[in-house]
Amino acid sequence: MVETESGRRIGRCRDMRAILGCGLPKVNELVVGHRGRLEHFGIGTPRQQAPDAIPWEAVVRIEGDRIVVRDGTELV
């Protein structure tokens, strides 16, 4: 589950987007919600319609199956 520091639920993390280059991939977004799940299975394209991602820079910490992001974070 992805939620803000104050506890507002944003959705489930379905996948991650990364930048490929030399060396290891660098995660740049968390894909969240139903559209992210469809994208994970190759249905649709990234950012086809509704926002479905959270910038990696917004992640504060990961606690087990909970990802905490900064208050004020919205889907992009």
N, C-alpha and C. Protein backbone atom coordinates (compact mmCIF):
# COMPACT_ATOMS: atom_id res chain seq x y z
N MET A 1 0.84 -1.18 0.00
CA MET A 1 0.00 0.00 0.00
C MET A 1 0.89 1.24 0.00
N VAL A 2 0.52 2.22 -0.79
CA VAL A 2 1.23 3.50 -0.81
C VAL A 2 0.37 4.51 -0.06
N GLU A 3 0.97 5.18 0.91
CA GLU A 3 0.25 6.21 1.66
C GLU A 3 1.19 7.34 2.03
N THR A 4 0.58 8.48 2.37
CA THR A 4 1.37 9.65 2.76
C THR A 4 1.81 9.52 4.22
N GLU A 5 2.70 10.39 4.63
CA GLU A 5 3.20 10.39 6.01
C GLU A 5 2.06 10.56 7.02
N SER A 6 1.01 11.29 6.63
CA SER A 6 -0.11 11.50 7.54
C SER A 6 -1.16 10.40 7.45
N GLY A 7 -0.93 9.38 6.60
CA GLY A 7 -1.80 8.22 6.55
C GLY A 7 -2.84 8.19 5.44
N ARG A 8 -2.83 9.18 4.53
CA ARG A 8 -3.79 9.17 3.41
C ARG A 8 -3.38 8.10 2.41
N ARG A 9 -4.30 7.18 2.13
CA ARG A 9 -4.01 6.09 1.18
C ARG A 9 -4.07 6.61 -0.25
N ILE A 10 -3.08 6.22 -1.03
CA ILE A 10 -3.03 6.61 -2.44
C ILE A 10 -3.40 5.42 -3.32
N GLY A 11 -2.96 4.24 -2.98
CA GLY A 11 -3.28 3.04 -3.75
C GLY A 11 -2.21 1.98 -3.58
N ARG A 12 -2.37 0.89 -4.31
CA ARG A 12 -1.39 -0.19 -4.27
C ARG A 12 -0.32 0.03 -5.32
N CYS A 13 0.91 -0.26 -4.97
CA CYS A 13 2.01 -0.19 -5.93
C CYS A 13 1.92 -1.43 -6.81
N ARG A 14 1.75 -1.23 -8.09
CA ARG A 14 1.60 -2.34 -9.03
C ARG A 14 2.87 -2.65 -9.80
N ASP A 15 3.74 -1.66 -9.92
CA ASP A 15 4.96 -1.84 -10.71
C ASP A 15 5.87 -0.65 -10.47
N MET A 16 7.02 -0.67 -11.09
CA MET A 16 7.96 0.45 -11.04
C MET A 16 8.40 0.77 -12.46
N ARG A 17 8.68 2.02 -12.70
CA ARG A 17 9.27 2.43 -13.97
C ARG A 17 10.71 2.80 -13.69
N ALA A 18 11.57 2.43 -14.62
CA ALA A 18 13.00 2.69 -14.43
C ALA A 18 13.61 3.23 -15.71
N ILE A 19 14.73 3.89 -15.53
CA ILE A 19 15.52 4.39 -16.65
C ILE A 19 16.65 3.41 -16.88
N LEU A 20 16.75 2.92 -18.10
CA LEU A 20 17.81 1.98 -18.43
C LEU A 20 18.99 2.74 -19.01
N GLY A 21 20.16 2.30 -18.65
CA GLY A 21 21.37 2.92 -19.16
C GLY A 21 22.54 2.03 -18.84
N CYS A 22 23.67 2.60 -18.66
CA CYS A 22 24.85 1.83 -18.26
C CYS A 22 24.68 1.39 -16.82
N GLY A 23 25.00 0.15 -16.55
CA GLY A 23 24.89 -0.35 -15.18
C GLY A 23 23.47 -0.74 -14.83
N LEU A 24 23.13 -0.61 -13.57
CA LEU A 24 21.82 -1.01 -13.07
C LEU A 24 20.73 -0.01 -13.45
N PRO A 25 19.49 -0.49 -13.66
CA PRO A 25 18.39 0.44 -13.92
C PRO A 25 18.16 1.33 -12.70
N LYS A 26 17.68 2.56 -12.94
CA LYS A 26 17.40 3.50 -11.86
C LYS A 26 15.89 3.73 -11.80
N VAL A 27 15.27 3.36 -10.68
CA VAL A 27 13.83 3.54 -10.51
C VAL A 27 13.51 5.03 -10.49
N ASN A 28 12.49 5.43 -11.28
CA ASN A 28 12.11 6.84 -11.27
C ASN A 28 10.65 7.07 -10.93
N GLU A 29 9.80 6.01 -10.95
CA GLU A 29 8.40 6.17 -10.58
C GLU A 29 7.83 4.86 -10.04
N LEU A 30 6.85 4.99 -9.15
CA LEU A 30 6.06 3.86 -8.69
C LEU A 30 4.74 3.91 -9.44
N VAL A 31 4.33 2.82 -10.05
CA VAL A 31 3.06 2.76 -10.77
C VAL A 31 2.00 2.28 -9.78
N VAL A 32 0.92 3.04 -9.66
CA VAL A 32 -0.07 2.82 -8.61
C VAL A 32 -1.46 2.62 -9.21
N GLY A 33 -2.25 1.75 -8.60
CA GLY A 33 -3.67 1.62 -8.93
C GLY A 33 -3.99 0.70 -10.08
N HIS A 34 -5.27 0.73 -10.47
CA HIS A 34 -5.81 -0.17 -11.49
C HIS A 34 -5.12 0.00 -12.84
N ARG A 35 -4.93 1.24 -13.27
CA ARG A 35 -4.29 1.46 -14.58
C ARG A 35 -2.87 0.91 -14.58
N GLY A 36 -2.19 1.04 -13.44
CA GLY A 36 -0.84 0.50 -13.33
C GLY A 36 -0.83 -1.01 -13.47
N ARG A 37 -1.85 -1.66 -12.94
CA ARG A 37 -1.94 -3.11 -13.05
C ARG A 37 -2.12 -3.51 -14.51
N LEU A 38 -2.97 -2.81 -15.23
CA LEU A 38 -3.16 -3.10 -16.66
C LEU A 38 -1.87 -2.88 -17.43
N GLU A 39 -1.18 -1.78 -17.13
CA GLU A 39 0.09 -1.49 -17.80
C GLU A 39 1.10 -2.60 -17.54
N HIS A 40 1.14 -3.11 -16.32
CA HIS A 40 2.06 -4.19 -15.95
C HIS A 40 1.86 -5.40 -16.87
N PHE A 41 0.62 -5.67 -17.25
CA PHE A 41 0.33 -6.81 -18.12
C PHE A 41 0.35 -6.44 -19.61
N GLY A 42 0.82 -5.24 -19.93
CA GLY A 42 0.98 -4.84 -21.32
C GLY A 42 -0.29 -4.32 -21.97
N ILE A 43 -1.30 -3.99 -21.18
CA ILE A 43 -2.55 -3.45 -21.72
C ILE A 43 -2.49 -1.93 -21.57
N GLY A 44 -2.55 -1.23 -22.67
CA GLY A 44 -2.43 0.23 -22.63
C GLY A 44 -0.96 0.63 -22.63
N THR A 45 -0.75 1.91 -22.54
CA THR A 45 0.61 2.43 -22.53
C THR A 45 0.78 3.35 -21.33
N PRO A 46 2.01 3.59 -20.91
CA PRO A 46 2.22 4.50 -19.78
C PRO A 46 1.60 5.87 -20.05
N ARG A 47 0.91 6.40 -19.04
CA ARG A 47 0.31 7.73 -19.09
C ARG A 47 -0.66 7.92 -20.25
N GLN A 48 -1.32 6.82 -20.65
CA GLN A 48 -2.24 6.91 -21.77
C GLN A 48 -3.40 7.87 -21.49
N GLN A 49 -3.93 7.85 -20.26
CA GLN A 49 -5.04 8.74 -19.94
C GLN A 49 -4.87 9.34 -18.56
N ALA A 50 -5.24 8.60 -17.55
CA ALA A 50 -5.23 9.13 -16.19
C ALA A 50 -3.85 9.01 -15.56
N PRO A 51 -3.54 9.88 -14.61
CA PRO A 51 -2.27 9.77 -13.89
C PRO A 51 -2.22 8.47 -13.09
N ASP A 52 -1.05 7.87 -13.03
CA ASP A 52 -0.96 6.57 -12.37
C ASP A 52 0.39 6.33 -11.70
N ALA A 53 1.18 7.37 -11.50
CA ALA A 53 2.53 7.15 -10.96
C ALA A 53 2.89 8.19 -9.91
N ILE A 54 3.83 7.78 -9.06
CA ILE A 54 4.38 8.65 -8.03
C ILE A 54 5.87 8.77 -8.27
N PRO A 55 6.41 9.98 -8.30
CA PRO A 55 7.85 10.12 -8.50
C PRO A 55 8.63 9.44 -7.37
N TRP A 56 9.70 8.77 -7.71
CA TRP A 56 10.52 8.07 -6.73
C TRP A 56 11.04 9.02 -5.66
N GLU A 57 11.29 10.28 -6.03
CA GLU A 57 11.81 11.26 -5.08
C GLU A 57 10.84 11.53 -3.93
N ALA A 58 9.56 11.19 -4.10
CA ALA A 58 8.56 11.42 -3.05
C ALA A 58 8.60 10.33 -1.97
N VAL A 59 9.27 9.21 -2.25
CA VAL A 59 9.31 8.11 -1.28
C VAL A 59 10.16 8.50 -0.08
N VAL A 60 9.56 8.37 1.11
CA VAL A 60 10.25 8.69 2.36
C VAL A 60 10.87 7.43 2.94
N ARG A 61 10.07 6.34 2.96
CA ARG A 61 10.58 5.07 3.50
C ARG A 61 9.68 3.93 3.04
N ILE A 62 10.24 2.73 3.16
CA ILE A 62 9.49 1.51 2.86
C ILE A 62 9.50 0.67 4.13
N GLU A 63 8.30 0.31 4.60
CA GLU A 63 8.13 -0.47 5.83
C GLU A 63 7.34 -1.72 5.50
N GLY A 64 8.03 -2.83 5.27
CA GLY A 64 7.33 -4.06 4.92
C GLY A 64 6.58 -3.90 3.62
N ASP A 65 5.24 -4.06 3.67
CA ASP A 65 4.44 -3.90 2.45
C ASP A 65 3.82 -2.51 2.34
N ARG A 66 4.34 -1.56 3.09
CA ARG A 66 3.84 -0.18 3.09
C ARG A 66 4.92 0.76 2.57
N ILE A 67 4.55 1.59 1.58
CA ILE A 67 5.46 2.60 1.05
C ILE A 67 4.93 3.96 1.49
N VAL A 68 5.75 4.71 2.19
CA VAL A 68 5.33 6.01 2.71
C VAL A 68 5.95 7.11 1.85
N VAL A 69 5.08 8.03 1.39
CA VAL A 69 5.54 9.15 0.56
C VAL A 69 5.26 10.46 1.30
N ARG A 70 5.87 11.52 0.85
CA ARG A 70 5.69 12.84 1.48
C ARG A 70 4.22 13.29 1.42
N ASP A 71 3.78 13.98 2.46
CA ASP A 71 2.46 14.61 2.43
C ASP A 71 2.39 15.54 1.24
N GLY A 72 1.24 15.61 0.58
CA GLY A 72 1.06 16.46 -0.58
C GLY A 72 1.38 15.78 -1.90
N THR A 73 1.89 14.54 -1.83
CA THR A 73 2.22 13.81 -3.06
C THR A 73 0.93 13.43 -3.79
N GLU A 74 0.90 13.67 -5.08
CA GLU A 74 -0.23 13.32 -5.93
C GLU A 74 0.27 12.47 -7.08
N LEU A 75 -0.65 11.75 -7.72
CA LEU A 75 -0.29 10.96 -8.90
C LEU A 75 0.03 11.89 -10.06
N VAL A 76 1.01 11.50 -10.86
CA VAL A 76 1.39 12.26 -12.05
C VAL A 76 1.18 11.44 -13.29
